[in-house]
Amino acid sequence: MAQQDKHWSKMELLHQAVRNPNIQVKGTHSYYSGAWDEGFEASVVRYLYGDGYSLRTWQPQWPIDQLHIGDYVCIGAEAVILMGGNHTHRADWFSLYPFADRIVEAYKSKGDTVIGDGAWIGMRAMIMPGVTIGEGAIVAAGSVVVQDVEPYAIVGGNPAGLIRHRFAPEVVSRLRALDIYAWPEGKFEALRDAVCAADIEKLEAASLAYDQRHG
């Protein structure tokens, strides 16, 4: 999207915008609200090998951490997702400095970062390396997430802590059993009224009826 076309009401679809081979985007619905910066790859994803400059300039000396983004993910403006490319500061050494001749030894991977289906990352939230954001979770604006977030939890603060769960544990269990984000596009669209509501029994019944009709 050209700079002159940017507006807070417009969104950048990730499956269209992402070029880095180390960012895995599921589906076609996840988006970034990038009106106030240079876009998802240039501004949100930090320290990840695979952009044009790093591909031209050096060969990676360790396995590259991956960023996995589910479907129907909403990422608010100026969020930051820190990846593992800069983790060459060993807290267990006397010196934290990343000396060039010790760089491979100094690097410690935090693992892949995962943002689950249907999650919502609020404006200016920061996701630290190796974190998993569960399905349907909400990260409040301005939060710093340093550990995994449970599915359908709401977290906030620095460091982010649990505010509450979106639904009762039984409802979350039943909702996850339905696996709505793995449904075919046609089923998801057909059951939109039940998905955009909070009646788990109605959603289960609608899913069963759909499967019986299309089985």
Protein backbone atom coordinates (compact mmCIF):
# COMPACT_ATOMS: atom_id res chain seq x y z
CA MET A 1 0.00 0.00 0.00
CA ALA A 2 1.48 3.34 -1.03
CA GLN A 3 2.10 5.86 1.76
CA GLN A 4 -0.42 8.32 0.34
CA ASP A 5 -3.07 5.59 0.39
CA LYS A 6 -2.55 4.74 4.07
CA HIS A 7 -5.33 5.43 6.52
CA TRP A 8 -6.21 3.97 9.92
CA SER A 9 -9.34 2.42 8.41
CA LYS A 10 -7.28 0.37 5.92
CA MET A 11 -5.44 -2.87 6.62
CA GLU A 12 -2.53 -4.78 5.14
CA LEU A 13 -3.37 -8.42 4.40
CA LEU A 14 -0.38 -10.45 5.50
CA HIS A 15 -0.64 -13.21 2.91
CA GLN A 16 -0.30 -10.53 0.23
CA ALA A 17 2.39 -8.45 1.91
CA VAL A 18 4.81 -10.96 3.45
CA ARG A 19 7.89 -11.87 1.41
CA ASN A 20 10.28 -13.18 4.07
CA PRO A 21 10.52 -16.99 3.73
CA ASN A 22 10.87 -17.29 7.51
CA ILE A 23 7.40 -15.86 8.13
CA GLN A 24 4.68 -18.48 7.70
CA VAL A 25 1.18 -17.04 7.23
CA LYS A 26 -1.81 -19.37 7.36
CA GLY A 27 -4.89 -18.52 5.34
CA THR A 28 -5.92 -15.26 3.74
CA HIS A 29 -7.61 -13.25 6.49
CA SER A 30 -4.87 -12.12 8.89
CA TYR A 31 -4.06 -8.43 8.73
CA TYR A 32 -1.90 -5.63 10.10
CA SER A 33 -3.16 -2.09 10.74
CA GLY A 34 -0.12 -0.32 9.33
CA ALA A 35 -1.26 3.26 8.82
CA TRP A 36 1.45 4.83 10.99
CA ASP A 37 4.61 3.03 9.94
CA GLU A 38 6.31 1.31 7.01
CA GLY A 39 4.26 -1.87 7.10
CA PHE A 40 4.36 -5.30 8.68
CA GLU A 41 7.69 -6.68 7.52
CA ALA A 42 9.61 -3.41 7.72
CA SER A 43 8.30 -2.16 11.06
CA VAL A 44 6.70 -4.98 13.08
CA VAL A 45 8.99 -7.98 12.57
CA ARG A 46 12.43 -7.24 14.04
CA TYR A 47 15.74 -9.11 13.82
CA LEU A 48 14.58 -11.83 11.43
CA TYR A 49 16.91 -13.07 8.71
CA GLY A 50 15.28 -13.35 5.30
CA ASP A 51 14.66 -9.74 4.32
CA GLY A 52 16.29 -8.44 1.17
CA TYR A 53 19.34 -6.94 2.88
CA SER A 54 20.22 -9.93 5.05
CA LEU A 55 19.76 -12.36 2.17
CA ARG A 56 22.23 -10.35 0.08
CA THR A 57 24.72 -9.61 2.83
CA TRP A 58 25.43 -12.71 4.93
CA GLN A 59 24.89 -16.40 5.39
CA PRO A 60 23.17 -17.46 8.63
CA GLN A 61 25.41 -19.38 11.01
CA TRP A 62 22.58 -21.04 12.95
CA PRO A 63 19.03 -22.30 12.26
CA ILE A 64 16.67 -19.38 11.72
CA ASP A 65 13.74 -19.02 14.09
CA GLN A 66 10.40 -18.99 12.30
CA LEU A 67 7.41 -16.71 12.80
CA HIS A 68 4.10 -18.57 12.43
CA ILE A 69 0.91 -16.53 12.10
CA GLY A 70 -2.48 -18.21 12.09
CA ASP A 71 -5.60 -17.25 10.17
CA TYR A 72 -7.99 -14.46 11.21
CA VAL A 73 -5.23 -12.77 13.25
CA CYS A 74 -5.58 -9.03 13.94
CA ILE A 75 -2.37 -7.08 14.60
CA GLY A 76 -2.73 -3.50 15.80
CA ALA A 77 -0.69 -0.53 14.64
CA GLU A 78 2.96 -0.26 15.70
CA ALA A 79 3.08 -3.65 17.36
CA VAL A 80 6.54 -5.24 17.55
CA ILE A 81 7.42 -8.91 17.17
CA LEU A 82 11.01 -9.49 18.27
CA MET A 83 12.70 -12.47 16.67
CA GLY A 84 15.92 -14.31 17.45
CA GLY A 85 18.49 -12.72 15.17
CA ASN A 86 19.95 -10.51 17.90
CA HIS A 87 20.17 -13.05 20.72
CA THR A 88 23.95 -12.92 21.03
CA HIS A 89 24.07 -11.43 24.53
CA ARG A 90 24.81 -14.23 26.97
CA ALA A 91 23.37 -13.44 30.39
CA ASP A 92 25.29 -16.38 31.85
CA TRP A 93 28.65 -14.90 30.76
CA PHE A 94 30.46 -12.11 32.61
CA SER A 95 30.38 -9.99 29.45
CA LEU A 96 27.18 -9.46 27.49
CA TYR A 97 29.02 -7.96 24.54
CA PRO A 98 28.61 -9.83 21.20
CA PHE A 99 32.27 -10.21 20.16
CA ALA A 100 32.49 -11.18 16.49
CA ASP A 101 34.82 -14.12 17.09
CA ARG A 102 32.40 -15.58 19.67
CA ILE A 103 29.16 -14.81 17.89
CA VAL A 104 28.15 -18.40 17.12
CA GLU A 105 28.94 -19.53 20.65
CA ALA A 106 27.07 -16.53 22.05
CA TYR A 107 23.86 -17.13 20.10
CA LYS A 108 21.07 -18.86 22.02
CA SER A 109 17.83 -19.50 20.18
CA LYS A 110 14.54 -18.72 21.86
CA GLY A 111 12.67 -20.92 19.38
CA ASP A 112 9.89 -20.14 16.96
CA THR A 113 7.28 -17.49 17.67
CA VAL A 114 3.65 -18.48 17.13
CA ILE A 115 0.54 -16.31 16.95
CA GLY A 116 -2.47 -18.58 16.96
CA ASP A 117 -5.62 -18.40 14.87
CA GLY A 118 -8.04 -15.65 15.77
CA ALA A 119 -5.66 -13.81 18.12
CA TRP A 120 -5.71 -10.04 18.50
CA ILE A 121 -2.48 -8.15 19.18
CA GLY A 122 -3.20 -4.64 20.42
CA MET A 123 -1.57 -1.41 19.31
CA ARG A 124 2.10 -1.04 20.35
CA ALA A 125 2.19 -4.44 22.04
CA MET A 126 5.56 -6.19 22.00
CA ILE A 127 5.91 -9.95 21.56
CA MET A 128 9.22 -11.33 22.80
CA PRO A 129 11.07 -14.15 20.99
CA GLY A 130 9.90 -17.72 21.31
CA VAL A 131 6.46 -16.85 22.68
CA THR A 132 3.26 -18.63 21.67
CA ILE A 133 0.05 -16.60 21.62
CA GLY A 134 -2.83 -19.07 21.88
CA GLU A 135 -5.88 -19.29 19.66
CA GLY A 136 -8.33 -16.47 20.24
CA ALA A 137 -6.13 -14.69 22.78
CA ILE A 138 -6.07 -10.92 23.23
CA VAL A 139 -2.90 -8.96 24.00
CA ALA A 140 -3.80 -5.52 25.34
CA ALA A 141 -2.32 -2.40 23.77
CA GLY A 142 1.14 -1.51 25.01
CA SER A 143 1.77 -4.88 26.64
CA VAL A 144 5.10 -6.72 26.68
CA VAL A 145 4.54 -10.47 26.32
CA VAL A 146 7.42 -12.50 27.76
CA GLN A 147 5.75 -15.89 28.14
CA ASP A 148 3.14 -18.03 26.41
CA VAL A 149 -0.49 -16.88 26.44
CA GLU A 150 -3.26 -19.43 26.87
CA PRO A 151 -5.97 -19.78 24.23
CA TYR A 152 -8.84 -17.31 24.71
CA ALA A 153 -7.01 -15.46 27.49
CA ILE A 154 -6.72 -11.67 27.78
CA VAL A 155 -3.32 -10.43 28.95
CA GLY A 156 -1.93 -6.97 29.55
CA GLY A 157 0.82 -4.98 31.22
CA ASN A 158 4.61 -5.11 31.36
CA PRO A 159 5.34 -7.93 31.72
CA ALA A 160 1.94 -9.06 30.45
CA GLY A 161 -0.15 -10.94 32.99
CA LEU A 162 -3.53 -12.59 32.86
CA ILE A 163 -6.44 -10.15 33.05
CA ARG A 164 -9.15 -12.74 32.53
CA HIS A 165 -10.26 -15.55 30.28
CA ARG A 166 -12.70 -14.68 27.54
CA PHE A 167 -14.94 -17.67 28.29
CA ALA A 168 -15.38 -20.30 30.98
CA PRO A 169 -12.94 -23.26 30.75
CA GLU A 170 -15.71 -25.63 29.63
CA VAL A 171 -16.69 -23.29 26.79
CA VAL A 172 -13.07 -22.88 25.69
CA SER A 173 -12.65 -26.66 25.64
CA ARG A 174 -15.77 -27.13 23.54
CA LEU A 175 -14.83 -24.27 21.24
CA ARG A 176 -11.35 -25.66 20.65
CA ALA A 177 -12.84 -29.10 19.97
CA LEU A 178 -14.87 -27.54 17.15
CA ASP A 179 -11.59 -26.29 15.61
CA ILE A 180 -13.39 -23.49 13.83
CA TYR A 181 -10.27 -22.06 12.18
CA ALA A 182 -9.68 -25.35 10.40
CA TRP A 183 -13.13 -25.26 8.83
CA PRO A 184 -13.39 -24.89 5.07
CA GLU A 185 -14.10 -21.35 3.95
CA GLY A 186 -17.62 -22.29 2.94
CA LYS A 187 -18.51 -23.65 6.36
CA PHE A 188 -17.02 -20.67 8.20
CA GLU A 189 -18.99 -18.27 6.01
CA ALA A 190 -22.21 -20.26 6.29
CA LEU A 191 -22.00 -20.30 10.09
CA ARG A 192 -20.88 -16.68 10.46
CA ASP A 193 -23.92 -15.75 12.58
CA ALA A 194 -23.08 -18.47 15.10
CA VAL A 195 -19.36 -17.64 15.06
CA CYS A 196 -20.07 -13.96 15.68
CA ALA A 197 -21.92 -14.72 18.90
CA ALA A 198 -21.28 -16.42 22.24
CA ASP A 199 -23.72 -19.36 22.35
CA ILE A 200 -21.57 -22.50 22.30
CA GLU A 201 -24.54 -24.87 22.08
CA LYS A 202 -25.90 -23.02 19.06
CA LEU A 203 -22.46 -23.12 17.41
CA GLU A 204 -22.08 -26.85 18.06
CA ALA A 205 -25.54 -27.56 16.70
CA ALA A 206 -24.94 -25.45 13.61
CA SER A 207 -21.64 -27.19 12.97
CA LEU A 208 -23.20 -30.63 13.29
CA ALA A 209 -26.09 -29.70 11.01
CA TYR A 210 -23.70 -28.29 8.40
CA ASP A 211 -21.58 -31.43 8.45
CA GLN A 212 -24.65 -33.64 8.08
CA ARG A 213 -25.81 -31.62 5.09
CA HIS A 214 -22.42 -31.58 3.41
CA GLY A 215 -21.00 -34.89 4.58
